[in-house]
Amino acid sequence: MQERSYLHKRHLLSHRQIDVAIGKESGKNFLDEKLRSLMLVNDFLAVVRIFNSKEIFFVALKGPLLSQRIYDDATVRISHDIDILIRKADFNSVYELMLSHGYKLSREEDLPVGRDGECVMPKSTYQISFCRSGSKFTIDIHWQLFDYLPFSHSRVSRIIEQNVTELTFNGERVRRFSLEFELIYLMILGSKHGWCCLKWLVDIKDYPTHELDREKFAELVSLMSANKVLIQTNFLLKRYFNKKLPFKTKQRVNSFVLRYPLDCINSKLPENQSTINKLKKFIYNFLMFSPWQGLWTLHANVKSQLFI
C-alpha cells in the first residue's frame, strides 16, 4: 500500500494505472477517483459547448481525450485541470466568452488592464486560468504550447495547424493533435518538466505507437528539433519499463540531460527549488532547448543507440 500511495501522490498516477504497474487489482476501492474523473469529463464538455457555440477554434490538450486515445476510456488518467489551446487572435473573444458563462480568473493579477480598461494579453506568460463556483477544476487557456524552444512560436503554430484532427466526443465536436504530433508534444512536455513525475513517462509507455505513421513522426521530430528529447525519452523508457520507441536518430546528447531526470524522478518532491537545483535546472534547459547550447561543450557525450 505504501508503494501505491507513493505512485499516486508523488507521481500522479491513477489507481488503474498503478494496478498495471504493480500487478494488483484495486477493484472498487477507489471509486471516488472514478467519480472525480467523470466530473472532469462533464466540466470539459461544458467548456467545449461554450467554444463551439461561437465557432471558436480550439485544441484540447491532454485530459479526457488523451485518456480516451490511450486507454479507450476518458476517465483512466488523472487530470487536475482542463487545458485548451486557442489561436492568439481569439484571446479577447475567449476571455469575454468565459466571463459571460460564469467563469472568473483564478488570479485577477494574471491579466493586465489597458489604458481604456480593456483586458490585455499577458506578455510574461502563455496561459491564463479560469475557475467557476461549484467546480473542482481550473480551465487553463493557452495560446502557445511552450515558453522556451530553440525556434519561433510562429513555426510551432504552423506545424500545429497541419497536425490537428477533428472528432466527435460524447456528441460534441472537438479537436486534438494528430497521433504523431501529440506523442512529440508529450515527450517535450515531460522533458521540459525534467520528467519529475512518472505520469508523463507512463503516458508515452502506454501510447498507441503501433498506429503511428513512422515517416510522419520522424519528419515532425526533425521539424520540432526533438531528436535529443527522443533520445532522452527512450533512455528513460528503457530504464523504467524496458521499452523503447521504435525510431532512430543520430543526435548526440550530453550525459547530464540523462542524469538530471533520474534525480528529478527520485526526488521526494516533484520540483525541489533549492539554489543548487535551480542551477541544475538552468543548465538542463540550456543543454536541452537553447539554440546556443552547441557552443557549450561539456565532456562525456553519449551517442544514441536506443533504437529498435
Protein backbone atom coordinates (compact mmCIF):
# COMPACT_ATOMS: atom_id res chain seq x y z
CA MET A 1 0.00 0.00 0.00
CA GLN A 2 2.94 2.32 0.64
CA GLU A 3 4.12 1.80 -2.94
CA ARG A 4 0.63 2.54 -4.25
CA SER A 5 0.38 5.70 -2.16
CA TYR A 6 3.80 6.88 -3.38
CA LEU A 7 2.96 6.36 -7.06
CA HIS A 8 -0.40 8.06 -6.62
CA LYS A 9 0.62 11.11 -4.59
CA ARG A 10 4.19 11.69 -5.74
CA HIS A 11 3.97 10.61 -9.38
CA LEU A 12 0.29 11.41 -10.03
CA LEU A 13 -0.66 8.02 -11.43
CA SER A 14 -4.27 6.94 -11.24
CA HIS A 15 -5.10 3.80 -9.29
CA ARG A 16 -5.99 1.99 -12.50
CA GLN A 17 -2.57 2.84 -13.92
CA ILE A 18 -0.98 1.69 -10.67
CA ASP A 19 -2.92 -1.60 -10.88
CA VAL A 20 -1.00 -2.35 -14.08
CA ALA A 21 2.33 -1.15 -12.66
CA ILE A 22 2.25 -3.34 -9.52
CA GLY A 23 0.15 -6.19 -10.92
CA LYS A 24 -2.57 -5.93 -8.31
CA GLU A 25 -6.21 -5.04 -8.91
CA SER A 26 -7.69 -2.39 -6.63
CA GLY A 27 -11.26 -3.33 -7.55
CA LYS A 28 -13.82 -0.89 -6.17
CA ASN A 29 -11.53 0.60 -3.53
CA PHE A 30 -11.09 3.93 -5.32
CA LEU A 31 -14.49 4.78 -6.77
CA ASP A 32 -14.02 8.38 -5.60
CA GLU A 33 -11.25 8.75 -8.20
CA LYS A 34 -13.56 7.43 -10.92
CA LEU A 35 -16.26 9.89 -9.84
CA ARG A 36 -13.79 12.76 -9.93
CA SER A 37 -12.74 11.80 -13.46
CA LEU A 38 -16.37 11.75 -14.58
CA MET A 39 -16.80 15.23 -13.13
CA LEU A 40 -13.76 16.37 -15.12
CA VAL A 41 -15.27 14.99 -18.33
CA ASN A 42 -18.51 16.83 -17.57
CA ASP A 43 -16.67 20.14 -17.00
CA PHE A 44 -14.61 19.59 -20.14
CA LEU A 45 -17.74 19.10 -22.23
CA ALA A 46 -19.24 22.28 -20.75
CA VAL A 47 -16.25 24.28 -22.00
CA VAL A 48 -16.40 22.55 -25.39
CA ARG A 49 -20.05 23.57 -25.80
CA ILE A 50 -19.20 27.17 -24.95
CA PHE A 51 -16.45 27.33 -27.57
CA ASN A 52 -18.50 25.53 -30.20
CA SER A 53 -21.43 27.90 -29.66
CA LYS A 54 -19.28 30.73 -31.04
CA GLU A 55 -17.33 28.62 -33.57
CA ILE A 56 -14.03 29.37 -31.83
CA PHE A 57 -11.15 27.19 -32.94
CA PHE A 58 -9.56 25.25 -30.10
CA VAL A 59 -7.50 22.12 -29.48
CA ALA A 60 -7.97 20.03 -26.35
CA LEU A 61 -4.66 19.23 -24.66
CA LYS A 62 -4.17 16.01 -22.69
CA GLY A 63 -7.11 15.42 -20.35
CA PRO A 64 -10.07 13.18 -21.24
CA LEU A 65 -9.19 12.97 -24.95
CA LEU A 66 -5.68 11.70 -24.24
CA SER A 67 -7.06 9.16 -21.79
CA GLN A 68 -9.58 8.08 -24.43
CA ARG A 69 -6.86 7.73 -27.05
CA ILE A 70 -4.53 5.68 -24.84
CA TYR A 71 -6.94 3.56 -22.81
CA ASP A 72 -10.20 3.79 -24.78
CA ASP A 73 -11.60 5.29 -21.57
CA ALA A 74 -11.72 9.03 -20.84
CA THR A 75 -11.52 8.50 -17.07
CA VAL A 76 -8.32 6.45 -16.59
CA ARG A 77 -5.75 9.25 -16.36
CA ILE A 78 -5.72 11.79 -13.53
CA SER A 79 -6.10 15.42 -14.55
CA HIS A 80 -6.17 18.36 -12.19
CA ASP A 81 -7.22 20.93 -14.75
CA ILE A 82 -8.60 21.29 -18.27
CA ASP A 83 -6.14 22.57 -20.88
CA ILE A 84 -7.35 24.28 -24.04
CA LEU A 85 -5.18 25.71 -26.82
CA ILE A 86 -6.60 28.66 -28.79
CA ARG A 87 -5.38 30.93 -31.54
CA LYS A 88 -3.69 34.02 -30.20
CA ALA A 89 -6.03 36.23 -32.22
CA ASP A 90 -9.03 34.82 -30.33
CA PHE A 91 -7.74 35.75 -26.87
CA ASN A 92 -10.10 38.69 -26.21
CA SER A 93 -13.12 36.81 -27.55
CA VAL A 94 -12.36 33.80 -25.36
CA TYR A 95 -11.80 35.98 -22.31
CA GLU A 96 -15.16 37.71 -22.70
CA LEU A 97 -16.90 34.44 -23.52
CA MET A 98 -15.64 32.72 -20.39
CA LEU A 99 -16.73 35.63 -18.20
CA SER A 100 -20.17 35.66 -19.78
CA HIS A 101 -20.64 31.99 -18.80
CA GLY A 102 -19.87 32.47 -15.13
CA TYR A 103 -16.14 31.80 -15.10
CA LYS A 104 -13.67 34.13 -13.45
CA LEU A 105 -9.91 34.41 -13.42
CA SER A 106 -8.24 32.16 -10.89
CA ARG A 107 -5.97 35.08 -10.06
CA GLU A 108 -7.07 38.56 -11.08
CA GLU A 109 -3.48 39.79 -11.21
CA ASP A 110 -2.79 37.38 -14.07
CA LEU A 111 -4.48 39.71 -16.57
CA PRO A 112 -3.19 43.26 -17.17
CA VAL A 113 -5.62 46.06 -17.98
CA GLY A 114 -5.03 48.54 -20.77
CA ARG A 115 -5.40 52.33 -20.67
CA ASP A 116 -9.05 52.13 -21.68
CA GLY A 117 -9.86 49.42 -19.17
CA GLU A 118 -9.88 46.60 -21.70
CA CYS A 119 -8.15 43.28 -20.99
CA VAL A 120 -4.65 42.89 -22.37
CA MET A 121 -2.96 39.62 -23.19
CA PRO A 122 -0.19 38.95 -20.64
CA LYS A 123 3.32 39.14 -22.06
CA SER A 124 5.06 37.27 -19.26
CA THR A 125 3.11 34.03 -19.64
CA TYR A 126 1.36 32.00 -22.32
CA GLN A 127 -1.77 30.99 -20.45
CA ILE A 128 -4.46 32.21 -18.09
CA SER A 129 -6.63 30.13 -15.76
CA PHE A 130 -10.35 30.33 -15.11
CA CYS A 131 -12.45 28.80 -12.38
CA ARG A 132 -16.15 28.56 -11.69
CA SER A 133 -18.12 28.17 -8.49
CA GLY A 134 -19.01 24.53 -7.83
CA SER A 135 -16.20 23.10 -9.99
CA LYS A 136 -13.07 21.43 -8.67
CA PHE A 137 -11.11 22.09 -11.84
CA THR A 138 -9.45 25.13 -13.38
CA ILE A 139 -9.66 25.86 -17.10
CA ASP A 140 -6.22 26.73 -18.46
CA ILE A 141 -6.39 28.66 -21.71
CA HIS A 142 -3.15 28.52 -23.70
CA TRP A 143 -2.19 30.49 -26.81
CA GLN A 144 1.16 28.80 -27.26
CA LEU A 145 2.38 25.37 -26.23
CA PHE A 146 5.76 26.10 -24.68
CA ASP A 147 7.56 29.09 -23.26
CA TYR A 148 11.09 28.15 -24.24
CA LEU A 149 12.04 26.45 -27.51
CA PRO A 150 15.04 26.73 -29.86
CA PHE A 151 12.84 28.21 -32.63
CA SER A 152 9.95 30.62 -33.09
CA HIS A 153 6.44 30.07 -31.80
CA SER A 154 5.08 31.03 -35.21
CA ARG A 155 6.85 27.96 -36.59
CA VAL A 156 5.17 25.78 -33.96
CA SER A 157 1.82 27.35 -34.83
CA ARG A 158 2.23 26.45 -38.49
CA ILE A 159 3.10 22.87 -37.57
CA ILE A 160 0.10 22.65 -35.26
CA GLU A 161 -2.30 23.88 -37.94
CA GLN A 162 -1.24 20.94 -40.10
CA ASN A 163 -1.50 18.38 -37.29
CA VAL A 164 -4.97 18.76 -35.82
CA THR A 165 -7.72 16.20 -36.21
CA GLU A 166 -11.43 16.62 -35.52
CA LEU A 167 -13.66 14.04 -33.89
CA THR A 168 -16.93 13.65 -32.02
CA PHE A 169 -16.66 13.07 -28.29
CA ASN A 170 -19.85 12.46 -26.30
CA GLY A 171 -21.81 14.13 -29.07
CA GLU A 172 -19.61 17.24 -29.22
CA ARG A 173 -17.22 18.33 -31.95
CA VAL A 174 -13.68 18.52 -30.56
CA ARG A 175 -10.13 18.77 -31.87
CA ARG A 176 -6.93 17.16 -30.73
CA PHE A 177 -3.43 16.77 -32.13
CA SER A 178 -2.65 14.12 -34.69
CA LEU A 179 -1.33 10.89 -33.24
CA GLU A 180 2.24 11.72 -34.26
CA PHE A 181 2.30 15.32 -33.09
CA GLU A 182 0.65 14.53 -29.76
CA LEU A 183 3.37 12.00 -28.95
CA ILE A 184 6.07 14.60 -29.64
CA TYR A 185 4.12 17.12 -27.55
CA LEU A 186 4.01 14.68 -24.63
CA MET A 187 7.74 13.99 -24.97
CA ILE A 188 8.65 17.68 -24.99
CA LEU A 189 6.26 18.42 -22.13
CA GLY A 190 7.78 15.69 -19.97
CA SER A 191 11.30 16.75 -20.90
CA LYS A 192 10.66 20.41 -20.10
CA HIS A 193 9.49 19.35 -16.62
CA GLY A 194 12.57 17.18 -16.16
CA TRP A 195 10.29 14.11 -16.12
CA CYS A 196 9.79 14.82 -12.41
CA CYS A 197 6.57 12.75 -12.40
CA LEU A 198 6.37 9.23 -13.82
CA LYS A 199 2.89 10.14 -15.07
CA TRP A 200 4.37 11.67 -18.22
CA LEU A 201 6.52 8.65 -18.95
CA VAL A 202 3.60 6.24 -18.38
CA ASP A 203 1.54 8.21 -20.92
CA ILE A 204 4.25 7.53 -23.50
CA LYS A 205 4.77 3.92 -22.46
CA ASP A 206 1.06 3.20 -22.98
CA TYR A 207 0.65 5.38 -26.08
CA PRO A 208 -0.64 3.52 -29.19
CA THR A 209 2.67 3.79 -31.07
CA HIS A 210 1.71 0.87 -33.32
CA GLU A 211 -0.77 3.20 -35.02
CA LEU A 212 1.81 5.89 -35.83
CA ASP A 213 2.82 6.90 -39.32
CA ARG A 214 6.56 6.44 -38.79
CA GLU A 215 7.65 8.67 -41.66
CA LYS A 216 5.41 11.48 -40.45
CA PHE A 217 6.64 11.08 -36.88
CA ALA A 218 10.28 11.19 -37.99
CA GLU A 219 9.57 14.32 -40.04
CA LEU A 220 7.92 16.02 -37.07
CA VAL A 221 10.80 15.09 -34.76
CA SER A 222 13.08 16.91 -37.18
CA LEU A 223 10.76 19.92 -37.58
CA MET A 224 10.39 20.25 -33.81
CA SER A 225 14.13 19.79 -33.18
CA ALA A 226 13.15 16.94 -30.84
CA ASN A 227 15.98 14.48 -31.52
CA LYS A 228 17.54 15.00 -28.09
CA VAL A 229 14.13 14.65 -26.47
CA LEU A 230 13.62 11.36 -28.33
CA ILE A 231 16.95 10.00 -27.09
CA GLN A 232 16.15 11.07 -23.54
CA THR A 233 12.65 9.55 -23.71
CA ASN A 234 13.99 6.21 -24.93
CA PHE A 235 16.67 6.20 -22.24
CA LEU A 236 14.02 6.63 -19.52
CA LEU A 237 11.57 4.17 -21.08
CA LYS A 238 14.32 1.55 -21.18
CA ARG A 239 15.37 2.34 -17.63
CA TYR A 240 11.93 2.11 -16.03
CA PHE A 241 9.85 -0.08 -18.36
CA ASN A 242 12.35 -1.94 -20.58
CA LYS A 243 10.69 -0.39 -23.60
CA LYS A 244 11.73 1.96 -26.41
CA LEU A 245 10.05 3.98 -29.12
CA PRO A 246 10.91 2.36 -32.47
CA PHE A 247 12.58 5.36 -34.08
CA LYS A 248 16.16 6.23 -34.99
CA THR A 249 18.21 9.37 -34.52
CA LYS A 250 21.93 10.06 -34.88
CA GLN A 251 21.84 13.03 -32.49
CA ARG A 252 24.34 13.08 -29.64
CA VAL A 253 23.37 14.23 -26.15
CA ASN A 254 25.29 15.32 -23.09
CA SER A 255 25.15 12.76 -20.31
CA PHE A 256 23.87 15.42 -17.90
CA VAL A 257 20.50 15.54 -19.66
CA LEU A 258 20.11 11.83 -18.95
CA ARG A 259 21.18 12.02 -15.31
CA TYR A 260 19.10 15.08 -14.45
CA PRO A 261 15.63 13.48 -14.96
CA LEU A 262 16.71 10.46 -12.90
CA ASP A 263 17.42 12.81 -10.00
CA CYS A 264 14.07 14.56 -10.54
CA ILE A 265 12.13 11.30 -10.62
CA ASN A 266 13.81 10.03 -7.46
CA SER A 267 13.46 13.26 -5.51
CA LYS A 268 10.89 13.42 -2.71
CA LEU A 269 9.22 16.50 -4.16
CA PRO A 270 8.32 17.00 -7.84
CA GLU A 271 10.41 20.15 -8.07
CA ASN A 272 12.83 20.93 -5.27
CA GLN A 273 13.65 24.64 -5.70
CA SER A 274 16.89 24.87 -3.70
CA THR A 275 19.60 27.11 -5.15
CA ILE A 276 21.66 24.18 -6.40
CA ASN A 277 18.63 22.60 -8.03
CA LYS A 278 17.70 25.87 -9.72
CA LEU A 279 21.22 25.97 -11.17
CA LYS A 280 20.93 22.35 -12.35
CA LYS A 281 17.56 23.14 -13.92
CA PHE A 282 19.05 26.12 -15.76
CA ILE A 283 21.92 24.01 -17.12
CA TYR A 284 19.49 21.25 -18.09
CA ASN A 285 17.18 23.60 -20.01
CA PHE A 286 20.16 25.24 -21.67
CA LEU A 287 21.53 21.91 -22.89
CA MET A 288 18.12 20.60 -23.98
CA PHE A 289 16.40 23.61 -25.50
CA SER A 290 18.72 26.56 -26.03
CA PRO A 291 19.66 27.29 -29.66
CA TRP A 292 23.14 28.22 -28.37
CA GLN A 293 23.84 25.07 -26.38
CA GLY A 294 26.06 23.72 -29.15
CA LEU A 295 28.62 26.42 -28.29
CA TRP A 296 28.99 24.96 -24.81
CA THR A 297 30.69 21.59 -24.99
CA LEU A 298 30.97 19.56 -21.83
CA HIS A 299 32.72 16.25 -21.61
CA ALA A 300 31.10 12.79 -21.61
CA ASN A 301 28.74 12.95 -24.55
CA VAL A 302 26.83 9.79 -25.31
CA LYS A 303 25.81 8.56 -28.72
CA SER A 304 22.27 7.35 -29.16
CA GLN A 305 21.96 3.61 -29.65
CA LEU A 306 18.46 3.44 -28.28
CA PHE A 307 16.79 2.08 -31.38
CA ILE A 308 14.70 -0.94 -32.21
